[in-house]
Amino acid sequence: METILQDAADAVREGALIVFPTDTVYGIGCDPFNATAIEALFEAKKRPLEKTIPLLVDSITTAHAIADISPQCEALLNTFWPGALTVVVPTTVAFPDGIVKDGTVAIRMPAHEDLLELIENVGGVLAATSANISGEDALLTYTDAYAQFQNVAKVILPGVVQTAEPSTIIDCTADTPTILREGPVHI
């Protein structure tokens, strides 16, 4: 697995797309600072441009480095990360179009050891969203991910997803966090 993780990290650094299992569903991602890669990600998913791409991070420390984390949000991260919780928070970093919406980013730390290692190897942040065509069901197996993205992803990692349900999304931009999408984390 070490070799394919290195191949995936190299692909991200080269500006290519990769597909990988997460703790929730299969994901597709790229370098969050490479505008060309972000465009390719939107094209591969046929994703509407108004739907931004979330970020996966390798730690709460990295989340603090790219976003303004309120005490209420910090409590959620300490309780549910790593895990199936995505938080929408004000960003403190300039990202290419497609990542930031109204000054906010969606971030998550997955509970998947190999994926966390990969994210750490590419600098701590990976632009990533579910591996599926926008509006269709998320992909749950390597076979399905390979069939869907073999022509657009440079590396497709094998593995198994754990919950088969997209993450819970919580807006942490106000004093009281608000659930935007129900998922496996119940608050």
C-alpha atoms as a PDB file:
ATOM      1  CA  MET A   1       0.000   0.000   0.000  1.00  0.00           C
ATOM      2  CA  GLU A   2       2.952   2.338   0.673  1.00  0.00           C
ATOM      3  CA  THR A   3       3.894   2.435  -3.014  1.00  0.00           C
ATOM      4  CA  ILE A   4       0.405   3.253  -4.266  1.00  0.00           C
ATOM      5  CA  LEU A   5       0.012   5.940  -1.557  1.00  0.00           C
ATOM      6  CA  GLN A   6       3.267   7.497  -2.792  1.00  0.00           C
ATOM      7  CA  ASP A   7       2.016   7.276  -6.396  1.00  0.00           C
ATOM      8  CA  ALA A   8      -1.189   9.046  -5.324  1.00  0.00           C
ATOM      9  CA  ALA A   9       0.742  11.778  -3.484  1.00  0.00           C
ATOM     10  CA  ASP A  10       2.972  12.281  -6.534  1.00  0.00           C
ATOM     11  CA  ALA A  11      -0.113  12.513  -8.759  1.00  0.00           C
ATOM     12  CA  VAL A  12      -1.643  15.205  -6.528  1.00  0.00           C
ATOM     13  CA  ARG A  13       1.610  17.204  -6.608  1.00  0.00           C
ATOM     14  CA  GLU A  14       1.621  16.886 -10.431  1.00  0.00           C
ATOM     15  CA  GLY A  15      -1.885  18.395 -10.606  1.00  0.00           C
ATOM     16  CA  ALA A  16      -3.687  15.141 -11.428  1.00  0.00           C
ATOM     17  CA  LEU A  17      -6.920  13.751 -10.017  1.00  0.00           C
ATOM     18  CA  ILE A  18      -6.947  10.749  -7.681  1.00  0.00           C
ATOM     19  CA  VAL A  19      -9.774   8.515  -6.439  1.00  0.00           C
ATOM     20  CA  PHE A  20      -9.691   6.918  -2.983  1.00  0.00           C
ATOM     21  CA  PRO A  21     -11.771   5.229  -0.293  1.00  0.00           C
ATOM     22  CA  THR A  22     -12.673   7.277   2.774  1.00  0.00           C
ATOM     23  CA  ASP A  23     -14.406   6.412   6.005  1.00  0.00           C
ATOM     24  CA  THR A  24     -17.703   7.442   4.398  1.00  0.00           C
ATOM     25  CA  VAL A  25     -17.784   6.934   0.593  1.00  0.00           C
ATOM     26  CA  TYR A  26     -15.260   6.829  -2.261  1.00  0.00           C
ATOM     27  CA  GLY A  27     -13.782  10.260  -2.941  1.00  0.00           C
ATOM     28  CA  ILE A  28     -12.144  12.074  -5.827  1.00  0.00           C
ATOM     29  CA  GLY A  29      -9.629  14.803  -5.165  1.00  0.00           C
ATOM     30  CA  CYS A  30      -6.681  16.954  -6.120  1.00  0.00           C
ATOM     31  CA  ASP A  31      -4.330  19.713  -4.979  1.00  0.00           C
ATOM     32  CA  PRO A  32      -6.548  22.460  -3.489  1.00  0.00           C
ATOM     33  CA  PHE A  33      -4.110  25.174  -4.613  1.00  0.00           C
ATOM     34  CA  ASN A  34      -3.970  24.108  -8.277  1.00  0.00           C
ATOM     35  CA  ALA A  35      -6.708  25.932 -10.216  1.00  0.00           C
ATOM     36  CA  THR A  36      -6.316  23.676 -13.268  1.00  0.00           C
ATOM     37  CA  ALA A  37      -6.735  20.562 -11.113  1.00  0.00           C
ATOM     38  CA  ILE A  38      -9.838  22.071  -9.453  1.00  0.00           C
ATOM     39  CA  GLU A  39     -11.329  22.737 -12.897  1.00  0.00           C
ATOM     40  CA  ALA A  40     -10.607  19.142 -13.912  1.00  0.00           C
ATOM     41  CA  LEU A  41     -12.335  17.931 -10.739  1.00  0.00           C
ATOM     42  CA  PHE A  42     -15.490  19.917 -11.554  1.00  0.00           C
ATOM     43  CA  GLU A  43     -15.417  18.573 -15.109  1.00  0.00           C
ATOM     44  CA  ALA A  44     -14.889  14.936 -14.045  1.00  0.00           C
ATOM     45  CA  LYS A  45     -17.871  15.095 -11.672  1.00  0.00           C
ATOM     46  CA  LYS A  46     -19.992  17.267 -13.947  1.00  0.00           C
ATOM     47  CA  ARG A  47     -20.433  19.349 -10.799  1.00  0.00           C
ATOM     48  CA  PRO A  48     -22.198  22.731 -10.991  1.00  0.00           C
ATOM     49  CA  LEU A  49     -19.714  25.541 -10.352  1.00  0.00           C
ATOM     50  CA  GLU A  50     -21.851  27.002  -7.544  1.00  0.00           C
ATOM     51  CA  LYS A  51     -21.273  23.827  -5.471  1.00  0.00           C
ATOM     52  CA  THR A  52     -17.831  24.275  -3.956  1.00  0.00           C
ATOM     53  CA  ILE A  53     -15.352  21.469  -3.328  1.00  0.00           C
ATOM     54  CA  PRO A  54     -14.742  20.557   0.346  1.00  0.00           C
ATOM     55  CA  LEU A  55     -11.295  20.061   1.834  1.00  0.00           C
ATOM     56  CA  LEU A  56      -9.913  17.073   3.714  1.00  0.00           C
ATOM     57  CA  VAL A  57      -7.286  17.859   6.348  1.00  0.00           C
ATOM     58  CA  ASP A  58      -4.832  15.690   8.247  1.00  0.00           C
ATOM     59  CA  SER A  59      -5.362  17.278  11.684  1.00  0.00           C
ATOM     60  CA  ILE A  60      -7.168  19.860  13.768  1.00  0.00           C
ATOM     61  CA  THR A  61      -3.921  21.851  13.704  1.00  0.00           C
ATOM     62  CA  THR A  62      -4.130  22.030   9.904  1.00  0.00           C
ATOM     63  CA  ALA A  63      -7.775  23.095  10.144  1.00  0.00           C
ATOM     64  CA  HIS A  64      -6.677  26.012  12.336  1.00  0.00           C
ATOM     65  CA  ALA A  65      -4.004  26.919   9.767  1.00  0.00           C
ATOM     66  CA  ILE A  66      -6.572  27.369   6.976  1.00  0.00           C
ATOM     67  CA  ALA A  67      -9.712  28.487   8.804  1.00  0.00           C
ATOM     68  CA  ASP A  68     -11.089  30.483  11.699  1.00  0.00           C
ATOM     69  CA  ILE A  69     -12.301  27.828  14.147  1.00  0.00           C
ATOM     70  CA  SER A  70     -14.686  29.138  16.831  1.00  0.00           C
ATOM     71  CA  PRO A  71     -14.726  27.614  20.330  1.00  0.00           C
ATOM     72  CA  GLN A  72     -18.080  25.938  19.521  1.00  0.00           C
ATOM     73  CA  CYS A  73     -16.599  24.420  16.354  1.00  0.00           C
ATOM     74  CA  GLU A  74     -13.447  23.384  18.234  1.00  0.00           C
ATOM     75  CA  ALA A  75     -15.605  21.411  20.668  1.00  0.00           C
ATOM     76  CA  LEU A  76     -17.241  19.574  17.742  1.00  0.00           C
ATOM     77  CA  LEU A  77     -13.872  18.792  16.163  1.00  0.00           C
ATOM     78  CA  ASN A  78     -12.465  17.492  19.442  1.00  0.00           C
ATOM     79  CA  THR A  79     -15.509  15.238  19.840  1.00  0.00           C
ATOM     80  CA  PHE A  80     -16.064  13.958  16.274  1.00  0.00           C
ATOM     81  CA  TRP A  81     -12.724  14.173  14.423  1.00  0.00           C
ATOM     82  CA  PRO A  82     -11.394  12.194  12.852  1.00  0.00           C
ATOM     83  CA  GLY A  83     -14.766  11.171  11.525  1.00  0.00           C
ATOM     84  CA  ALA A  84     -17.766  11.797   9.320  1.00  0.00           C
ATOM     85  CA  LEU A  85     -18.267  15.448  10.287  1.00  0.00           C
ATOM     86  CA  THR A  86     -17.723  18.287   7.809  1.00  0.00           C
ATOM     87  CA  VAL A  87     -17.724  21.830   9.164  1.00  0.00           C
ATOM     88  CA  VAL A  88     -18.266  25.031   7.200  1.00  0.00           C
ATOM     89  CA  VAL A  89     -15.980  27.732   8.605  1.00  0.00           C
ATOM     90  CA  PRO A  90     -14.517  31.093   7.554  1.00  0.00           C
ATOM     91  CA  THR A  91     -11.309  30.583   5.586  1.00  0.00           C
ATOM     92  CA  THR A  92      -8.059  32.386   6.354  1.00  0.00           C
ATOM     93  CA  VAL A  93      -6.277  31.192   3.198  1.00  0.00           C
ATOM     94  CA  ALA A  94      -6.679  32.129  -0.469  1.00  0.00           C
ATOM     95  CA  PHE A  95      -7.820  29.121  -2.519  1.00  0.00           C
ATOM     96  CA  PRO A  96      -8.656  28.989  -6.245  1.00  0.00           C
ATOM     97  CA  ASP A  97     -12.235  29.404  -7.440  1.00  0.00           C
ATOM     98  CA  GLY A  98     -14.383  26.429  -6.597  1.00  0.00           C
ATOM     99  CA  ILE A  99     -13.180  25.969  -2.997  1.00  0.00           C
ATOM    100  CA  VAL A 100     -14.400  29.113  -1.195  1.00  0.00           C
ATOM    101  CA  LYS A 101     -18.017  30.292  -1.014  1.00  0.00           C
ATOM    102  CA  ASP A 102     -18.845  33.594   0.670  1.00  0.00           C
ATOM    103  CA  GLY A 103     -15.500  33.496   2.497  1.00  0.00           C
ATOM    104  CA  THR A 104     -16.060  29.982   3.882  1.00  0.00           C
ATOM    105  CA  VAL A 105     -14.687  26.501   3.271  1.00  0.00           C
ATOM    106  CA  ALA A 106     -16.034  23.069   4.158  1.00  0.00           C
ATOM    107  CA  ILE A 107     -13.417  20.915   5.929  1.00  0.00           C
ATOM    108  CA  ARG A 108     -13.260  17.401   7.320  1.00  0.00           C
ATOM    109  CA  MET A 109     -10.684  15.082   8.889  1.00  0.00           C
ATOM    110  CA  PRO A 110     -11.512  11.534   7.746  1.00  0.00           C
ATOM    111  CA  ALA A 111     -11.166   8.531  10.054  1.00  0.00           C
ATOM    112  CA  HIS A 112      -9.142   6.573   7.514  1.00  0.00           C
ATOM    113  CA  GLU A 113      -5.493   5.878   8.332  1.00  0.00           C
ATOM    114  CA  ASP A 114      -4.169   5.486   4.765  1.00  0.00           C
ATOM    115  CA  LEU A 115      -6.029   8.567   3.563  1.00  0.00           C
ATOM    116  CA  LEU A 116      -4.708  10.645   6.484  1.00  0.00           C
ATOM    117  CA  GLU A 117      -1.180   9.534   5.582  1.00  0.00           C
ATOM    118  CA  LEU A 118      -1.768  10.568   1.967  1.00  0.00           C
ATOM    119  CA  ILE A 119      -3.164  13.964   3.010  1.00  0.00           C
ATOM    120  CA  GLU A 120      -0.169  14.542   5.277  1.00  0.00           C
ATOM    121  CA  ASN A 121       2.175  13.621   2.406  1.00  0.00           C
ATOM    122  CA  VAL A 122       0.642  16.291   0.143  1.00  0.00           C
ATOM    123  CA  GLY A 123       0.918  19.092   2.695  1.00  0.00           C
ATOM    124  CA  GLY A 124      -2.026  18.465   5.015  1.00  0.00           C
ATOM    125  CA  VAL A 125      -4.907  19.538   2.759  1.00  0.00           C
ATOM    126  CA  LEU A 126      -6.654  17.791  -0.155  1.00  0.00           C
ATOM    127  CA  ALA A 127      -9.562  19.130  -2.212  1.00  0.00           C
ATOM    128  CA  ALA A 128     -11.998  16.221  -2.220  1.00  0.00           C
ATOM    129  CA  THR A 129     -15.606  15.364  -2.826  1.00  0.00           C
ATOM    130  CA  SER A 130     -17.592  12.183  -3.283  1.00  0.00           C
ATOM    131  CA  ALA A 131     -16.540  10.121  -6.289  1.00  0.00           C
ATOM    132  CA  ASN A 132     -19.672  10.167  -8.404  1.00  0.00           C
ATOM    133  CA  ILE A 133     -21.250  12.165 -11.155  1.00  0.00           C
ATOM    134  CA  SER A 134     -22.999  15.112  -9.507  1.00  0.00           C
ATOM    135  CA  GLY A 135     -26.531  14.190  -8.509  1.00  0.00           C
ATOM    136  CA  GLU A 136     -25.935  10.433  -8.727  1.00  0.00           C
ATOM    137  CA  ASP A 137     -25.371   8.006  -5.848  1.00  0.00           C
ATOM    138  CA  ALA A 138     -21.952   8.030  -4.189  1.00  0.00           C
ATOM    139  CA  LEU A 139     -19.646   5.174  -5.155  1.00  0.00           C
ATOM    140  CA  LEU A 140     -18.875   2.601  -2.477  1.00  0.00           C
ATOM    141  CA  THR A 141     -16.500   0.123  -4.139  1.00  0.00           C
ATOM    142  CA  TYR A 142     -13.177   0.156  -5.931  1.00  0.00           C
ATOM    143  CA  THR A 143     -14.801  -1.585  -8.913  1.00  0.00           C
ATOM    144  CA  ASP A 144     -17.418   1.152  -9.289  1.00  0.00           C
ATOM    145  CA  ALA A 145     -14.884   3.941  -8.723  1.00  0.00           C
ATOM    146  CA  TYR A 146     -12.548   2.436 -11.309  1.00  0.00           C
ATOM    147  CA  ALA A 147     -15.338   1.999 -13.850  1.00  0.00           C
ATOM    148  CA  GLN A 148     -16.487   5.611 -13.411  1.00  0.00           C
ATOM    149  CA  PHE A 149     -13.136   7.441 -13.243  1.00  0.00           C
ATOM    150  CA  GLN A 150     -10.461   5.276 -14.888  1.00  0.00           C
ATOM    151  CA  ASN A 151     -10.170   7.724 -17.796  1.00  0.00           C
ATOM    152  CA  VAL A 152      -9.793  10.881 -15.677  1.00  0.00           C
ATOM    153  CA  ALA A 153      -7.935   9.862 -12.497  1.00  0.00           C
ATOM    154  CA  LYS A 154      -4.212   9.158 -12.566  1.00  0.00           C
ATOM    155  CA  VAL A 155      -4.405   6.896  -9.475  1.00  0.00           C
ATOM    156  CA  ILE A 156      -7.371   4.969  -8.062  1.00  0.00           C
ATOM    157  CA  LEU A 157      -6.667   3.559  -4.620  1.00  0.00           C
ATOM    158  CA  PRO A 158      -8.173   0.218  -3.598  1.00  0.00           C
ATOM    159  CA  GLY A 159      -9.925  -0.140  -0.280  1.00  0.00           C
ATOM    160  CA  VAL A 160     -13.183  -0.332   1.592  1.00  0.00           C
ATOM    161  CA  VAL A 161     -15.453   2.479   2.791  1.00  0.00           C
ATOM    162  CA  GLN A 162     -16.750   2.215   6.343  1.00  0.00           C
ATOM    163  CA  THR A 163     -20.168   3.884   6.653  1.00  0.00           C
ATOM    164  CA  ALA A 164     -21.457   4.124   3.053  1.00  0.00           C
ATOM    165  CA  GLU A 165     -23.097   7.432   3.976  1.00  0.00           C
ATOM    166  CA  PRO A 166     -21.860  10.967   3.191  1.00  0.00           C
ATOM    167  CA  SER A 167     -20.665  13.028   6.149  1.00  0.00           C
ATOM    168  CA  THR A 168     -22.815  15.206   8.363  1.00  0.00           C
ATOM    169  CA  ILE A 169     -22.314  18.887   7.447  1.00  0.00           C
ATOM    170  CA  ILE A 170     -22.543  21.626  10.080  1.00  0.00           C
ATOM    171  CA  ASP A 171     -22.328  25.369   9.464  1.00  0.00           C
ATOM    172  CA  CYS A 172     -20.040  26.796  12.159  1.00  0.00           C
ATOM    173  CA  THR A 173     -20.028  30.394  10.931  1.00  0.00           C
ATOM    174  CA  ALA A 174     -22.539  31.650  13.525  1.00  0.00           C
ATOM    175  CA  ASP A 175     -22.508  31.456  17.316  1.00  0.00           C
ATOM    176  CA  THR A 176     -24.793  28.409  17.208  1.00  0.00           C
ATOM    177  CA  PRO A 177     -23.747  25.672  14.751  1.00  0.00           C
ATOM    178  CA  THR A 178     -26.477  24.615  12.297  1.00  0.00           C
ATOM    179  CA  ILE A 179     -26.866  21.216  10.631  1.00  0.00           C
ATOM    180  CA  LEU A 180     -26.871  21.559   6.826  1.00  0.00           C
ATOM    181  CA  ARG A 181     -26.932  17.830   5.995  1.00  0.00           C
ATOM    182  CA  GLU A 182     -27.757  14.878   8.203  1.00  0.00           C
ATOM    183  CA  GLY A 183     -25.257  12.028   8.096  1.00  0.00           C
ATOM    184  CA  PRO A 184     -23.625   9.417  10.305  1.00  0.00           C
ATOM    185  CA  VAL A 185     -22.654  11.925  13.027  1.00  0.00           C
ATOM    186  CA  HIS A 186     -25.680  12.869  15.152  1.00  0.00           C
ATOM    187  CA  ILE A 187     -25.502  16.041  17.219  1.00  0.00           C
END
